[in-house]
Amino acid sequence: MSAYFILTQTITDLDAFRRDYIPKVMPILEKHGGEVLVASFDATPLEGDPAQAAVVIRFPSQEAIIAFEDDPEYQPAKRIRHDLTTNANAVMAPAFEYPSRETSR
């Protein structure tokens, strides 16, 4: 079942982020079946005080997300992301499945 990697963060140097992080992470995402569904560097806050950037990536499974996060090839890029961001929060969530009408009776 698909799973989603949801990341919010405030990017401190957008030019360096675009130049140094994005080209390194994209091939690794693809390797693990990641598909970027949302990527905004200036998301519109609706509640609370969220970080400015938001990313939603669909993976084939939660195991694929963990494999991506733990991939040795990703670690240098991840350090770059950490160096260029603050207020980062990442979560993993399975795809939503509608409850069966028969099980809800």
Protein backbone atom coordinates (compact mmCIF):
# COMPACT_ATOMS: atom_id res chain seq x y z
CA MET A 1 0.00 0.00 0.00
CA SER A 2 1.25 3.50 -0.83
CA ALA A 3 2.66 5.66 1.95
CA TYR A 4 3.42 9.35 2.15
CA PHE A 5 6.47 11.24 3.36
CA ILE A 6 5.39 14.71 4.47
CA LEU A 7 8.08 17.27 5.21
CA THR A 8 7.78 20.89 6.29
CA GLN A 9 10.81 23.09 6.76
CA THR A 10 12.03 26.65 6.56
CA ILE A 11 14.76 26.98 3.95
CA THR A 12 17.48 29.43 4.96
CA ASP A 13 19.24 29.64 1.57
CA LEU A 14 16.89 28.84 -1.30
CA ASP A 15 19.51 29.26 -4.04
CA ALA A 16 21.88 26.79 -2.35
CA PHE A 17 18.97 24.42 -1.65
CA ARG A 18 17.98 24.39 -5.32
CA ARG A 19 21.58 24.07 -6.48
CA ASP A 20 23.05 21.68 -3.90
CA TYR A 21 20.19 19.55 -2.56
CA ILE A 22 17.50 19.01 -5.19
CA PRO A 23 19.76 17.56 -7.94
CA LYS A 24 21.26 15.12 -5.41
CA VAL A 25 17.99 13.91 -3.89
CA MET A 26 15.90 13.36 -7.04
CA PRO A 27 17.75 10.25 -8.32
CA ILE A 28 17.63 8.71 -4.84
CA LEU A 29 13.89 9.37 -4.57
CA GLU A 30 13.36 7.71 -7.94
CA LYS A 31 15.49 4.74 -6.87
CA HIS A 32 13.06 4.11 -4.00
CA GLY A 33 9.91 4.74 -6.03
CA GLY A 34 9.29 8.21 -4.60
CA GLU A 35 7.00 10.52 -6.55
CA VAL A 36 6.87 14.19 -5.55
CA LEU A 37 3.21 15.22 -5.38
CA VAL A 38 3.61 18.62 -3.70
CA ALA A 39 6.65 20.86 -3.44
CA SER A 40 6.26 24.48 -2.39
CA PHE A 41 8.97 26.78 -1.12
CA ASP A 42 6.39 29.29 0.08
CA ALA A 43 3.30 27.40 1.25
CA THR A 44 0.33 29.37 2.54
CA PRO A 45 -0.23 28.82 6.27
CA LEU A 46 -3.83 28.13 7.22
CA GLU A 47 -3.43 27.24 10.91
CA GLY A 48 -0.69 27.64 13.47
CA ASP A 49 2.84 28.73 12.61
CA PRO A 50 4.10 26.13 10.13
CA ALA A 51 7.40 26.16 8.28
CA GLN A 52 7.44 27.89 4.89
CA ALA A 53 8.23 24.93 2.65
CA ALA A 54 6.09 21.82 2.27
CA VAL A 55 6.76 18.58 0.40
CA VAL A 56 4.56 15.51 -0.01
CA ILE A 57 6.13 12.44 -1.61
CA ARG A 58 4.28 9.22 -2.38
CA PHE A 59 6.23 5.98 -2.02
CA PRO A 60 5.14 2.41 -2.79
CA SER A 61 5.20 1.53 0.93
CA GLN A 62 6.35 2.65 4.36
CA GLU A 63 9.30 0.29 3.96
CA ALA A 64 10.34 2.25 0.85
CA ILE A 65 10.30 5.48 2.87
CA ILE A 66 12.51 3.96 5.55
CA ALA A 67 14.86 2.55 2.89
CA PHE A 68 15.09 6.04 1.33
CA GLU A 69 15.75 7.71 4.68
CA ASP A 70 18.41 5.11 5.59
CA ASP A 71 20.03 4.90 2.13
CA PRO A 72 23.78 5.60 2.48
CA GLU A 73 23.64 7.53 -0.82
CA TYR A 74 21.09 9.90 0.70
CA GLN A 75 23.06 10.76 3.84
CA PRO A 76 25.31 13.46 2.25
CA ALA A 77 22.26 15.11 0.65
CA LYS A 78 20.35 14.87 3.93
CA ARG A 79 23.20 16.69 5.70
CA ILE A 80 22.98 19.43 3.06
CA ARG A 81 19.23 19.72 3.68
CA HIS A 82 19.76 19.91 7.43
CA ASP A 83 22.41 22.60 6.97
CA LEU A 84 20.12 24.70 4.75
CA THR A 85 16.90 24.43 6.78
CA THR A 86 15.39 25.09 10.19
CA ASN A 87 12.11 24.11 11.79
CA ALA A 88 12.01 20.80 9.88
CA ASN A 89 9.32 18.24 10.65
CA ALA A 90 8.87 14.96 8.79
CA VAL A 91 6.17 12.34 9.14
CA MET A 92 5.29 9.09 7.40
CA ALA A 93 1.68 8.04 6.91
CA PRO A 94 -0.02 5.18 5.05
CA ALA A 95 -2.47 5.92 2.27
CA PHE A 96 -6.03 6.44 3.44
CA GLU A 97 -8.36 3.52 2.96
CA TYR A 98 -12.08 4.10 3.08
CA PRO A 99 -13.69 1.95 5.76
CA SER A 100 -15.68 -0.91 4.38
CA ARG A 101 -19.42 -0.45 4.75
CA GLU A 102 -19.76 -4.03 5.89
CA THR A 103 -17.21 -3.65 8.73
CA SER A 104 -18.87 -0.47 9.97
CA ARG A 105 -22.23 -2.18 10.63
